[in-house]
PDB file of N, CA and C in Angstrom:
ATOM      1  N   UNK A   1      96.539 129.999  41.094  1.00  0.00           N
ATOM      2  CA  UNK A   1      97.276 130.993  40.357  1.00  0.00           C
ATOM      3  C   UNK A   1      96.829 132.370  40.854  1.00  0.00           C
ATOM      4  N   UNK A   2      97.789 133.259  41.023  1.00  0.00           N
ATOM      5  CA  UNK A   2      97.498 134.599  41.503  1.00  0.00           C
ATOM      6  C   UNK A   2      97.933 135.594  40.429  1.00  0.00           C
ATOM      7  N   UNK A   3      97.025 136.502  40.081  1.00  0.00           N
ATOM      8  CA  UNK A   3      97.361 137.540  39.115  1.00  0.00           C
ATOM      9  C   UNK A   3      97.026 138.908  39.699  1.00  0.00           C
ATOM     10  N   UNK A   4      97.749 139.900  39.243  1.00  0.00           N
ATOM     11  CA  UNK A   4      97.517 141.283  39.643  1.00  0.00           C
ATOM     12  C   UNK A   4      97.264 142.067  38.368  1.00  0.00           C
ATOM     13  N   UNK A   5      96.121 142.760  38.312  1.00  0.00           N
ATOM     14  CA  UNK A   5      95.822 143.531  37.108  1.00  0.00           C
ATOM     15  C   UNK A   5      96.369 144.957  37.230  1.00  0.00           C
ATOM     16  N   UNK A   6      96.127 145.765  36.229  1.00  0.00           N
ATOM     17  CA  UNK A   6      96.687 147.116  36.183  1.00  0.00           C
ATOM     18  C   UNK A   6      96.132 148.040  37.272  1.00  0.00           C
ATOM     19  N   UNK A   7      94.984 147.689  37.853  1.00  0.00           N
ATOM     20  CA  UNK A   7      94.410 148.469  38.957  1.00  0.00           C
ATOM     21  C   UNK A   7      94.848 147.948  40.316  1.00  0.00           C
ATOM     22  N   UNK A   8      95.775 147.002  40.330  1.00  0.00           N
ATOM     23  CA  UNK A   8      96.267 146.343  41.537  1.00  0.00           C
ATOM     24  C   UNK A   8      95.184 145.537  42.236  1.00  0.00           C
ATOM     25  N   UNK A   9      94.265 145.006  41.453  1.00  0.00           N
ATOM     26  CA  UNK A   9      93.308 144.034  41.968  1.00  0.00           C
ATOM     27  C   UNK A   9      93.984 142.669  41.928  1.00  0.00           C
ATOM     28  N   UNK A  10      93.680 141.837  42.902  1.00  0.00           N
ATOM     29  CA  UNK A  10      94.275 140.508  43.012  1.00  0.00           C
ATOM     30  C   UNK A  10      93.197 139.482  42.671  1.00  0.00           C
ATOM     31  N   UNK A  11      93.524 138.558  41.773  1.00  0.00           N
ATOM     32  CA  UNK A  11      92.600 137.479  41.423  1.00  0.00           C
ATOM     33  C   UNK A  11      93.313 136.159  41.696  1.00  0.00           C
ATOM     34  N   UNK A  12      92.695 135.329  42.530  1.00  0.00           N
ATOM     35  CA  UNK A  12      93.230 134.008  42.832  1.00  0.00           C
ATOM     36  C   UNK A  12      92.341 133.012  42.089  1.00  0.00           C
ATOM     37  N   UNK A  13      92.948 132.219  41.213  1.00  0.00           N
ATOM     38  CA  UNK A  13      92.190 131.320  40.350  1.00  0.00           C
ATOM     39  C   UNK A  13      92.675 129.890  40.519  1.00  0.00           C
ATOM     40  N   UNK A  14      91.742 128.946  40.506  1.00  0.00           N
ATOM     41  CA  UNK A  14      92.076 127.524  40.513  1.00  0.00           C
ATOM     42  C   UNK A  14      92.659 127.167  39.149  1.00  0.00           C
ATOM     43  N   UNK A  15      93.833 126.572  39.122  1.00  0.00           N
ATOM     44  CA  UNK A  15      94.494 126.229  37.864  1.00  0.00           C
ATOM     45  C   UNK A  15      93.660 125.228  37.062  1.00  0.00           C
ATOM     46  N   UNK A  16      93.001 124.301  37.731  1.00  0.00           N
ATOM     47  CA  UNK A  16      92.227 123.260  37.054  1.00  0.00           C
ATOM     48  C   UNK A  16      90.852 123.735  36.610  1.00  0.00           C
ATOM     49  N   UNK A  17      90.309 124.723  37.292  1.00  0.00           N
ATOM     50  CA  UNK A  17      88.961 125.215  36.985  1.00  0.00           C
ATOM     51  C   UNK A  17      88.957 126.729  37.143  1.00  0.00           C
ATOM     52  N   UNK A  18      89.162 127.454  36.026  1.00  0.00           N
ATOM     53  CA  UNK A  18      89.293 128.907  36.131  1.00  0.00           C
ATOM     54  C   UNK A  18      87.989 129.619  36.472  1.00  0.00           C
ATOM     55  N   UNK A  19      86.887 128.876  36.617  1.00  0.00           N
ATOM     56  CA  UNK A  19      85.647 129.485  37.105  1.00  0.00           C
ATOM     57  C   UNK A  19      85.682 129.645  38.616  1.00  0.00           C
ATOM     58  N   UNK A  20      86.578 128.907  39.277  1.00  0.00           N
ATOM     59  CA  UNK A  20      86.745 129.025  40.724  1.00  0.00           C
ATOM     60  C   UNK A  20      87.798 130.084  40.980  1.00  0.00           C
ATOM     61  N   UNK A  21      87.339 131.215  41.531  1.00  0.00           N
ATOM     62  CA  UNK A  21      88.263 132.311  41.769  1.00  0.00           C
ATOM     63  C   UNK A  21      87.798 133.172  42.933  1.00  0.00           C
ATOM     64  N   UNK A  22      88.743 133.925  43.464  1.00  0.00           N
ATOM     65  CA  UNK A  22      88.447 134.937  44.475  1.00  0.00           C
ATOM     66  C   UNK A  22      89.032 136.246  43.984  1.00  0.00           C
ATOM     67  N   UNK A  23      88.338 137.327  44.280  1.00  0.00           N
ATOM     68  CA  UNK A  23      88.730 138.644  43.782  1.00  0.00           C
ATOM     69  C   UNK A  23      88.927 139.592  44.961  1.00  0.00           C
ATOM     70  N   UNK A  24      90.047 140.281  44.969  1.00  0.00           N
ATOM     71  CA  UNK A  24      90.326 141.271  45.999  1.00  0.00           C
ATOM     72  C   UNK A  24      90.739 142.576  45.339  1.00  0.00           C
ATOM     73  N   UNK A  25      90.110 143.661  45.732  1.00  0.00           N
ATOM     74  CA  UNK A  25      90.656 144.964  45.354  1.00  0.00           C
ATOM     75  C   UNK A  25      91.962 145.116  46.134  1.00  0.00           C
ATOM     76  N   UNK A  26      92.769 146.072  45.752  1.00  0.00           N
ATOM     77  CA  UNK A  26      94.012 146.299  46.479  1.00  0.00           C
ATOM     78  C   UNK A  26      93.774 146.561  47.954  1.00  0.00           C
ATOM     79  N   UNK A  27      92.727 147.332  48.244  1.00  0.00           N
ATOM     80  CA  UNK A  27      92.398 147.656  49.633  1.00  0.00           C
ATOM     81  C   UNK A  27      91.988 146.405  50.416  1.00  0.00           C
ATOM     82  N   UNK A  28      91.144 145.553  49.803  1.00  0.00           N
ATOM     83  CA  UNK A  28      90.721 144.323  50.487  1.00  0.00           C
ATOM     84  C   UNK A  28      91.886 143.355  50.659  1.00  0.00           C
ATOM     85  N   UNK A  29      92.798 143.311  49.673  1.00  0.00           N
ATOM     86  CA  UNK A  29      93.954 142.429  49.790  1.00  0.00           C
ATOM     87  C   UNK A  29      94.862 142.902  50.924  1.00  0.00           C
ATOM     88  N   UNK A  30      95.013 144.209  51.051  1.00  0.00           N
ATOM     89  CA  UNK A  30      95.804 144.759  52.154  1.00  0.00           C
ATOM     90  C   UNK A  30      95.154 144.407  53.493  1.00  0.00           C
ATOM     91  N   UNK A  31      93.819 144.508  53.564  1.00  0.00           N
ATOM     92  CA  UNK A  31      93.099 144.117  54.778  1.00  0.00           C
ATOM     93  C   UNK A  31      93.354 142.637  55.079  1.00  0.00           C
ATOM     94  N   UNK A  32      93.310 141.800  54.043  1.00  0.00           N
ATOM     95  CA  UNK A  32      93.567 140.367  54.221  1.00  0.00           C
ATOM     96  C   UNK A  32      94.954 140.140  54.810  1.00  0.00           C
ATOM     97  N   UNK A  33      95.950 140.824  54.297  1.00  0.00           N
ATOM     98  CA  UNK A  33      97.307 140.617  54.814  1.00  0.00           C
ATOM     99  C   UNK A  33      97.416 141.064  56.270  1.00  0.00           C
ATOM    100  N   UNK A  34      96.647 142.070  56.655  1.00  0.00           N
ATOM    101  CA  UNK A  34      96.651 142.517  58.042  1.00  0.00           C
ATOM    102  C   UNK A  34      96.000 141.489  58.966  1.00  0.00           C
ATOM    103  N   UNK A  35      95.081 140.680  58.435  1.00  0.00           N
ATOM    104  CA  UNK A  35      94.360 139.695  59.241  1.00  0.00           C
ATOM    105  C   UNK A  35      94.966 138.286  59.152  1.00  0.00           C
ATOM    106  N   UNK A  36      96.043 138.131  58.374  1.00  0.00           N
ATOM    107  CA  UNK A  36      96.597 136.794  58.155  1.00  0.00           C
ATOM    108  C   UNK A  36      97.034 136.108  59.443  1.00  0.00           C
ATOM    109  N   UNK A  37      97.582 136.853  60.374  1.00  0.00           N
ATOM    110  CA  UNK A  37      98.014 136.245  61.631  1.00  0.00           C
ATOM    111  C   UNK A  37      96.824 135.625  62.372  1.00  0.00           C
ATOM    112  N   UNK A  38      95.701 136.339  62.409  1.00  0.00           N
ATOM    113  CA  UNK A  38      94.493 135.805  63.052  1.00  0.00           C
ATOM    114  C   UNK A  38      93.983 134.567  62.314  1.00  0.00           C
ATOM    115  N   UNK A  39      93.987 134.638  60.996  1.00  0.00           N
ATOM    116  CA  UNK A  39      93.530 133.494  60.196  1.00  0.00           C
ATOM    117  C   UNK A  39      94.456 132.312  60.437  1.00  0.00           C
ATOM    118  N   UNK A  40      95.750 132.558  60.514  1.00  0.00           N
ATOM    119  CA  UNK A  40      96.710 131.475  60.762  1.00  0.00           C
ATOM    120  C   UNK A  40      96.470 130.784  62.092  1.00  0.00           C
ATOM    121  N   UNK A  41      96.104 131.538  63.111  1.00  0.00           N
ATOM    122  CA  UNK A  41      95.779 130.926  64.404  1.00  0.00           C
ATOM    123  C   UNK A  41      94.593 129.979  64.256  1.00  0.00           C
ATOM    124  N   UNK A  42      93.584 130.405  63.505  1.00  0.00           N
ATOM    125  CA  UNK A  42      92.420 129.548  63.283  1.00  0.00           C
ATOM    126  C   UNK A  42      92.799 128.313  62.471  1.00  0.00           C
ATOM    127  N   UNK A  43      93.633 128.485  61.453  1.00  0.00           N
ATOM    128  CA  UNK A  43      94.085 127.343  60.645  1.00  0.00           C
ATOM    129  C   UNK A  43      94.860 126.366  61.518  1.00  0.00           C
ATOM    130  N   UNK A  44      95.733 126.868  62.378  1.00  0.00           N
ATOM    131  CA  UNK A  44      96.508 125.997  63.276  1.00  0.00           C
ATOM    132  C   UNK A  44      95.600 125.188  64.179  1.00  0.00           C
ATOM    133  N   UNK A  45      94.566 125.830  64.712  1.00  0.00           N
ATOM    134  CA  UNK A  45      93.604 125.114  65.554  1.00  0.00           C
ATOM    135  C   UNK A  45      92.894 124.030  64.759  1.00  0.00           C
ATOM    136  N   UNK A  46      92.508 124.351  63.530  1.00  0.00           N
ATOM    137  CA  UNK A  46      91.830 123.363  62.678  1.00  0.00           C
ATOM    138  C   UNK A  46      92.748 122.187  62.373  1.00  0.00           C
ATOM    139  N   UNK A  47      94.008 122.460  62.082  1.00  0.00           N
ATOM    140  CA  UNK A  47      94.983 121.395  61.811  1.00  0.00           C
ATOM    141  C   UNK A  47      95.137 120.503  63.033  1.00  0.00           C
ATOM    142  N   UNK A  48      95.090 121.092  64.228  1.00  0.00           N
ATOM    143  CA  UNK A  48      95.210 120.327  65.472  1.00  0.00           C
ATOM    144  C   UNK A  48      93.938 119.578  65.839  1.00  0.00           C
ATOM    145  N   UNK A  49      92.891 119.726  65.016  1.00  0.00           N
ATOM    146  CA  UNK A  49      91.643 119.013  65.265  1.00  0.00           C
ATOM    147  C   UNK A  49      90.700 119.714  66.220  1.00  0.00           C
ATOM    148  N   UNK A  50      91.015 120.937  66.588  1.00  0.00           N
ATOM    149  CA  UNK A  50      90.134 121.679  67.491  1.00  0.00           C
ATOM    150  C   UNK A  50      88.934 122.193  66.715  1.00  0.00           C
ATOM    151  N   UNK A  51      87.838 122.356  67.424  1.00  0.00           N
ATOM    152  CA  UNK A  51      86.614 122.838  66.797  1.00  0.00           C
ATOM    153  C   UNK A  51      86.786 124.314  66.423  1.00  0.00           C
ATOM    154  N   UNK A  52      86.577 124.612  65.161  1.00  0.00           N
ATOM    155  CA  UNK A  52      86.744 125.976  64.682  1.00  0.00           C
ATOM    156  C   UNK A  52      85.662 126.299  63.667  1.00  0.00           C
ATOM    157  N   UNK A  53      84.989 127.388  63.864  1.00  0.00           N
ATOM    158  CA  UNK A  53      84.027 127.923  62.901  1.00  0.00           C
ATOM    159  C   UNK A  53      84.275 129.426  62.844  1.00  0.00           C
ATOM    160  N   UNK A  54      84.966 129.853  61.811  1.00  0.00           N
ATOM    161  CA  UNK A  54      85.375 131.240  61.681  1.00  0.00           C
ATOM    162  C   UNK A  54      84.875 131.800  60.364  1.00  0.00           C
ATOM    163  N   UNK A  55      84.377 133.010  60.402  1.00  0.00           N
ATOM    164  CA  UNK A  55      83.994 133.712  59.181  1.00  0.00           C
ATOM    165  C   UNK A  55      84.467 135.151  59.319  1.00  0.00           C
ATOM    166  N   UNK A  56      85.360 135.565  58.408  1.00  0.00           N
ATOM    167  CA  UNK A  56      85.927 136.905  58.432  1.00  0.00           C
ATOM    168  C   UNK A  56      85.479 137.652  57.193  1.00  0.00           C
ATOM    169  N   UNK A  57      84.809 138.778  57.391  1.00  0.00           N
ATOM    170  CA  UNK A  57      84.368 139.612  56.277  1.00  0.00           C
ATOM    171  C   UNK A  57      85.546 140.449  55.812  1.00  0.00           C
ATOM    172  N   UNK A  58      85.894 140.331  54.527  1.00  0.00           N
ATOM    173  CA  UNK A  58      87.024 141.091  53.992  1.00  0.00           C
ATOM    174  C   UNK A  58      86.567 142.293  53.177  1.00  0.00           C
ATOM    175  N   UNK A  59      85.258 142.483  53.053  1.00  0.00           N
ATOM    176  CA  UNK A  59      84.709 143.614  52.306  1.00  0.00           C
ATOM    177  C   UNK A  59      84.111 143.176  50.990  1.00  0.00           C
ATOM    178  N   UNK A  60      83.215 143.998  50.466  1.00  0.00           N
ATOM    179  CA  UNK A  60      82.626 143.724  49.162  1.00  0.00           C
ATOM    180  C   UNK A  60      81.891 142.408  49.065  1.00  0.00           C
ATOM    181  N   UNK A  61      81.269 141.952  50.139  1.00  0.00           N
ATOM    182  CA  UNK A  61      80.507 140.700  50.210  1.00  0.00           C
ATOM    183  C   UNK A  61      81.393 139.454  50.194  1.00  0.00           C
ATOM    184  N   UNK A  62      82.707 139.609  50.319  1.00  0.00           N
ATOM    185  CA  UNK A  62      83.633 138.480  50.344  1.00  0.00           C
ATOM    186  C   UNK A  62      83.967 138.110  51.789  1.00  0.00           C
ATOM    187  N   UNK A  63      84.018 136.796  52.036  1.00  0.00           N
ATOM    188  CA  UNK A  63      84.331 136.269  53.354  1.00  0.00           C
ATOM    189  C   UNK A  63      85.378 135.171  53.231  1.00  0.00           C
ATOM    190  N   UNK A  64      86.163 135.041  54.279  1.00  0.00           N
ATOM    191  CA  UNK A  64      87.057 133.900  54.424  1.00  0.00           C
ATOM    192  C   UNK A  64      86.489 133.088  55.575  1.00  0.00           C
ATOM    193  N   UNK A  65      86.308 131.798  55.348  1.00  0.00           N
ATOM    194  CA  UNK A  65      85.721 130.993  56.415  1.00  0.00           C
ATOM    195  C   UNK A  65      86.445 129.661  56.578  1.00  0.00           C
ATOM    196  N   UNK A  66      86.422 129.208  57.812  1.00  0.00           N
ATOM    197  CA  UNK A  66      86.903 127.883  58.195  1.00  0.00           C
ATOM    198  C   UNK A  66      85.758 127.206  58.918  1.00  0.00           C
ATOM    199  N   UNK A  67      85.473 125.985  58.530  1.00  0.00           N
ATOM    200  CA  UNK A  67      84.364 125.248  59.127  1.00  0.00           C
ATOM    201  C   UNK A  67      84.885 123.944  59.693  1.00  0.00           C
ATOM    202  N   UNK A  68      84.492 123.646  60.929  1.00  0.00           N
ATOM    203  CA  UNK A  68      84.930 122.416  61.581  1.00  0.00           C
ATOM    204  C   UNK A  68      84.581 121.209  60.712  1.00  0.00           C
ATOM    205  N   UNK A  69      85.544 120.321  60.526  1.00  0.00           N
ATOM    206  CA  UNK A  69      85.321 119.097  59.764  1.00  0.00           C
ATOM    207  C   UNK A  69      85.612 119.233  58.280  1.00  0.00           C
ATOM    208  N   UNK A  70      85.821 120.451  57.807  1.00  0.00           N
ATOM    209  CA  UNK A  70      86.157 120.675  56.397  1.00  0.00           C
ATOM    210  C   UNK A  70      87.592 121.192  56.373  1.00  0.00           C
ATOM    211  N   UNK A  71      88.482 120.409  55.797  1.00  0.00           N
ATOM    212  CA  UNK A  71      89.911 120.692  55.882  1.00  0.00           C
ATOM    213  C   UNK A  71      90.390 121.634  54.776  1.00  0.00           C
ATOM    214  N   UNK A  72      89.785 122.803  54.727  1.00  0.00           N
ATOM    215  CA  UNK A  72      90.227 123.828  53.781  1.00  0.00           C
ATOM    216  C   UNK A  72      89.750 125.186  54.275  1.00  0.00           C
ATOM    217  N   UNK A  73      90.297 126.194  53.654  1.00  0.00           N
ATOM    218  CA  UNK A  73      89.919 127.571  53.928  1.00  0.00           C
ATOM    219  C   UNK A  73      89.137 128.055  52.707  1.00  0.00           C
ATOM    220  N   UNK A  74      87.978 128.604  52.923  1.00  0.00           N
ATOM    221  CA  UNK A  74      87.098 129.012  51.834  1.00  0.00           C
ATOM    222  C   UNK A  74      87.101 130.527  51.702  1.00  0.00           C
ATOM    223  N   UNK A  75      87.352 131.006  50.488  1.00  0.00           N
ATOM    224  CA  UNK A  75      87.263 132.431  50.182  1.00  0.00           C
ATOM    225  C   UNK A  75      86.099 132.558  49.205  1.00  0.00           C
ATOM    226  N   UNK A  76      85.018 133.190  49.643  1.00  0.00           N
ATOM    227  CA  UNK A  76      83.784 133.135  48.867  1.00  0.00           C
ATOM    228  C   UNK A  76      82.996 134.428  48.975  1.00  0.00           C
ATOM    229  N   UNK A  77      82.267 134.736  47.915  1.00  0.00           N
ATOM    230  CA  UNK A  77      81.349 135.867  47.909  1.00  0.00           C
ATOM    231  C   UNK A  77      80.013 135.398  48.494  1.00  0.00           C
ATOM    232  N   UNK A  78      79.401 136.230  49.305  1.00  0.00           N
ATOM    233  CA  UNK A  78      78.124 135.920  49.952  1.00  0.00           C
ATOM    234  C   UNK A  78      77.075 136.949  49.539  1.00  0.00           C
ATOM    235  N   UNK A  79      75.823 136.654  49.848  1.00  0.00           N
ATOM    236  CA  UNK A  79      74.733 137.594  49.619  1.00  0.00           C
ATOM    237  C   UNK A  79      73.762 137.487  50.786  1.00  0.00           C
ATOM    238  N   UNK A  80      72.901 138.497  50.933  1.00  0.00           N
ATOM    239  CA  UNK A  80      71.853 138.456  51.958  1.00  0.00           C
ATOM    240  C   UNK A  80      70.557 138.028  51.304  1.00  0.00           C
ATOM    241  N   UNK A  81      69.905 137.025  51.912  1.00  0.00           N
ATOM    242  CA  UNK A  81      68.607 136.593  51.382  1.00  0.00           C
ATOM    243  C   UNK A  81      67.515 137.524  51.902  1.00  0.00           C
ATOM    244  N   UNK A  82      66.280 137.244  51.549  1.00  0.00           N
ATOM    245  CA  UNK A  82      65.146 138.112  51.902  1.00  0.00           C
ATOM    246  C   UNK A  82      64.979 138.270  53.414  1.00  0.00           C
ATOM    247  N   UNK A  83      65.405 137.275  54.183  1.00  0.00           N
ATOM    248  CA  UNK A  83      65.295 137.338  55.641  1.00  0.00           C
ATOM    249  C   UNK A  83      66.527 137.984  56.291  1.00  0.00           C
ATOM    250  N   UNK A  84      67.501 138.393  55.477  1.00  0.00           N
ATOM    251  CA  UNK A  84      68.698 139.027  56.011  1.00  0.00           C
ATOM    252  C   UNK A  84      69.804 138.063  56.395  1.00  0.00           C
ATOM    253  N   UNK A  85      69.626 136.770  56.080  1.00  0.00           N
ATOM    254  CA  UNK A  85      70.656 135.784  56.374  1.00  0.00           C
ATOM    255  C   UNK A  85      71.753 135.843  55.309  1.00  0.00           C
ATOM    256  N   UNK A  86      72.997 135.690  55.744  1.00  0.00           N
ATOM    257  CA  UNK A  86      74.121 135.706  54.817  1.00  0.00           C
ATOM    258  C   UNK A  86      74.304 134.297  54.259  1.00  0.00           C
ATOM    259  N   UNK A  87      74.265 134.191  52.920  1.00  0.00           N
ATOM    260  CA  UNK A  87      74.355 132.893  52.234  1.00  0.00           C
ATOM    261  C   UNK A  87      75.502 132.917  51.223  1.00  0.00           C
ATOM    262  N   UNK A  88      76.182 131.773  51.042  1.00  0.00           N
ATOM    263  CA  UNK A  88      77.282 131.731  50.069  1.00  0.00           C
ATOM    264  C   UNK A  88      76.778 131.678  48.628  1.00  0.00           C
ATOM    265  N   UNK A  89      77.571 132.260  47.726  1.00  0.00           N
ATOM    266  CA  UNK A  89      77.311 132.125  46.302  1.00  0.00           C
ATOM    267  C   UNK A  89      78.237 131.033  45.761  1.00  0.00           C
ATOM    268  N   UNK A  90      78.136 130.763  44.472  1.00  0.00           N
ATOM    269  CA  UNK A  90      79.040 129.806  43.848  1.00  0.00           C
ATOM    270  C   UNK A  90      80.404 130.416  43.558  1.00  0.00           C
ATOM    271  N   UNK A  91      80.477 131.727  43.575  1.00  0.00           N
ATOM    272  CA  UNK A  91      81.734 132.407  43.244  1.00  0.00           C
ATOM    273  C   UNK A  91      82.675 132.378  44.439  1.00  0.00           C
ATOM    274  N   UNK A  92      83.800 131.718  44.260  1.00  0.00           N
ATOM    275  CA  UNK A  92      84.789 131.623  45.323  1.00  0.00           C
ATOM    276  C   UNK A  92      85.758 130.499  45.057  1.00  0.00           C
ATOM    277  N   UNK A  93      86.619 130.262  46.022  1.00  0.00           N
ATOM    278  CA  UNK A  93      87.632 129.227  45.893  1.00  0.00           C
ATOM    279  C   UNK A  93      87.939 128.651  47.270  1.00  0.00           C
ATOM    280  N   UNK A  94      88.230 127.368  47.306  1.00  0.00           N
ATOM    281  CA  UNK A  94      88.662 126.713  48.536  1.00  0.00           C
ATOM    282  C   UNK A  94      90.141 126.408  48.416  1.00  0.00           C
ATOM    283  N   UNK A  95      90.871 126.686  49.477  1.00  0.00           N
ATOM    284  CA  UNK A  95      92.306 126.439  49.496  1.00  0.00           C
ATOM    285  C   UNK A  95      92.637 125.422  50.580  1.00  0.00           C
ATOM    286  N   UNK A  96      93.481 124.453  50.231  1.00  0.00           N
ATOM    287  CA  UNK A  96      93.994 123.552  51.259  1.00  0.00           C
ATOM    288  C   UNK A  96      94.868 124.383  52.193  1.00  0.00           C
ATOM    289  N   UNK A  97      95.208 123.825  53.329  1.00  0.00           N
ATOM    290  CA  UNK A  97      96.039 124.573  54.266  1.00  0.00           C
ATOM    291  C   UNK A  97      97.418 124.861  53.670  1.00  0.00           C
ATOM    292  N   UNK A  98      97.952 123.949  52.887  1.00  0.00           N
ATOM    293  CA  UNK A  98      99.266 124.215  52.262  1.00  0.00           C
ATOM    294  C   UNK A  98      99.145 125.304  51.187  1.00  0.00           C
ATOM    295  N   UNK A  99      98.032 125.325  50.451  1.00  0.00           N
ATOM    296  CA  UNK A  99      97.812 126.400  49.482  1.00  0.00           C
ATOM    297  C   UNK A  99      97.675 127.742  50.196  1.00  0.00           C
ATOM    298  N   UNK A 100      97.019 127.740  51.356  1.00  0.00           N
ATOM    299  CA  UNK A 100      96.903 128.959  52.149  1.00  0.00           C
ATOM    300  C   UNK A 100      98.287 129.457  52.563  1.00  0.00           C
ATOM    301  N   UNK A 101      99.158 128.543  53.002  1.00  0.00           N
ATOM    302  CA  UNK A 101     100.517 128.927  53.379  1.00  0.00           C
ATOM    303  C   UNK A 101     101.255 129.550  52.200  1.00  0.00           C
ATOM    304  N   UNK A 102     101.077 128.976  51.018  1.00  0.00           N
ATOM    305  CA  UNK A 102     101.695 129.533  49.815  1.00  0.00           C
ATOM    306  C   UNK A 102     101.163 130.937  49.549  1.00  0.00           C
ATOM    307  N   UNK A 103      99.849 131.117  49.671  1.00  0.00           N
ATOM    308  CA  UNK A 103      99.250 132.434  49.467  1.00  0.00           C
ATOM    309  C   UNK A 103      99.811 133.448  50.461  1.00  0.00           C
ATOM    310  N   UNK A 104      99.994 133.044  51.706  1.00  0.00           N
ATOM    311  CA  UNK A 104     100.556 133.947  52.717  1.00  0.00           C
ATOM    312  C   UNK A 104     101.950 134.405  52.315  1.00  0.00           C
ATOM    313  N   UNK A 105     102.771 133.478  51.840  1.00  0.00           N
ATOM    314  CA  UNK A 105     104.133 133.826  51.432  1.00  0.00           C
ATOM    315  C   UNK A 105     104.119 134.782  50.244  1.00  0.00           C
ATOM    316  N   UNK A 106     103.247 134.513  49.283  1.00  0.00           N
ATOM    317  CA  UNK A 106     103.139 135.385  48.110  1.00  0.00           C
ATOM    318  C   UNK A 106     102.618 136.764  48.527  1.00  0.00           C
ATOM    319  N   UNK A 107     101.640 136.787  49.403  1.00  0.00           N
ATOM    320  CA  UNK A 107     101.076 138.065  49.862  1.00  0.00           C
ATOM    321  C   UNK A 107     102.140 138.917  50.539  1.00  0.00           C
ATOM    322  N   UNK A 108     102.973 138.301  51.334  1.00  0.00           N
ATOM    323  CA  UNK A 108     104.042 139.038  52.006  1.00  0.00           C
ATOM    324  C   UNK A 108     105.004 139.634  50.979  1.00  0.00           C
ATOM    325  N   UNK A 109     105.323 138.866  49.944  1.00  0.00           N
ATOM    326  CA  UNK A 109     106.215 139.379  48.885  1.00  0.00           C
ATOM    327  C   UNK A 109     105.558 140.527  48.130  1.00  0.00           C
ATOM    328  N   UNK A 110     104.266 140.381  47.832  1.00  0.00           N
ATOM    329  CA  UNK A 110     103.557 141.448  47.124  1.00  0.00           C
ATOM    330  C   UNK A 110     103.588 142.727  47.951  1.00  0.00           C
ATOM    331  N   UNK A 111     103.286 142.590  49.227  1.00  0.00           N
ATOM    332  CA  UNK A 111     103.257 143.764  50.108  1.00  0.00           C
ATOM    333  C   UNK A 111     104.625 144.451  50.181  1.00  0.00           C
ATOM    334  N   UNK A 112     105.692 143.666  50.201  1.00  0.00           N
ATOM    335  CA  UNK A 112     107.009 144.268  50.366  1.00  0.00           C
ATOM    336  C   UNK A 112     107.615 144.760  49.058  1.00  0.00           C
ATOM    337  N   UNK A 113     107.220 144.161  47.926  1.00  0.00           N
ATOM    338  CA  UNK A 113     107.876 144.489  46.658  1.00  0.00           C
ATOM    339  C   UNK A 113     107.121 145.477  45.777  1.00  0.00           C
ATOM    340  N   UNK A 114     105.822 145.591  45.950  1.00  0.00           N
ATOM    341  CA  UNK A 114     105.056 146.507  45.104  1.00  0.00           C
ATOM    342  C   UNK A 114     104.759 147.802  45.840  1.00  0.00           C
ATOM    343  N   UNK A 115     105.323 148.885  45.368  1.00  0.00           N
ATOM    344  CA  UNK A 115     105.147 150.179  46.014  1.00  0.00           C
ATOM    345  C   UNK A 115     103.689 150.589  46.122  1.00  0.00           C
ATOM    346  N   UNK A 116     102.871 150.182  45.145  1.00  0.00           N
ATOM    347  CA  UNK A 116     101.455 150.565  45.171  1.00  0.00           C
ATOM    348  C   UNK A 116     100.756 150.020  46.410  1.00  0.00           C
ATOM    349  N   UNK A 117     101.128 148.817  46.872  1.00  0.00           N
ATOM    350  CA  UNK A 117     100.484 148.252  48.049  1.00  0.00           C
ATOM    351  C   UNK A 117     100.970 148.925  49.322  1.00  0.00           C
ATOM    352  N   UNK A 118     102.169 149.470  49.294  1.00  0.00           N
ATOM    353  CA  UNK A 118     102.662 150.204  50.467  1.00  0.00           C
ATOM    354  C   UNK A 118     101.848 151.481  50.672  1.00  0.00           C
ATOM    355  N   UNK A 119     101.316 152.019  49.576  1.00  0.00           N
ATOM    356  CA  UNK A 119     100.553 153.265  49.646  1.00  0.00           C
ATOM    357  C   UNK A 119      99.112 153.047  50.064  1.00  0.00           C
ATOM    358  N   UNK A 120      98.617 151.804  49.984  1.00  0.00           N
ATOM    359  CA  UNK A 120      97.201 151.527  50.289  1.00  0.00           C
ATOM    360  C   UNK A 120      97.011 151.488  51.794  1.00  0.00           C
TER     361      UNK A 120
END
């Protein structure tokens, strides 16, 4: 489920478990839509069985990642541990490839229909 609040923040929530969610400010969501073509290329490679390990920083400690052998796209908040390594938190959501396609279609509609996103 995708919701937009009054500040034009985007929240993507798992319908079955509302604790699983991803949060995008309007600016980060706009950045995501600009990178969707690159992400789609990685998803296509993963669907074809090619080895893919991708991690894209979208801002605010949030990353989108694809990992070889795991058939989903993960949108998750990360943190730096004491040694400076980037580690995932529990806050985030995993999307199947078909759910990702749905999100892409919705994102395109949001970008074209909401004047506020045109200004970002």
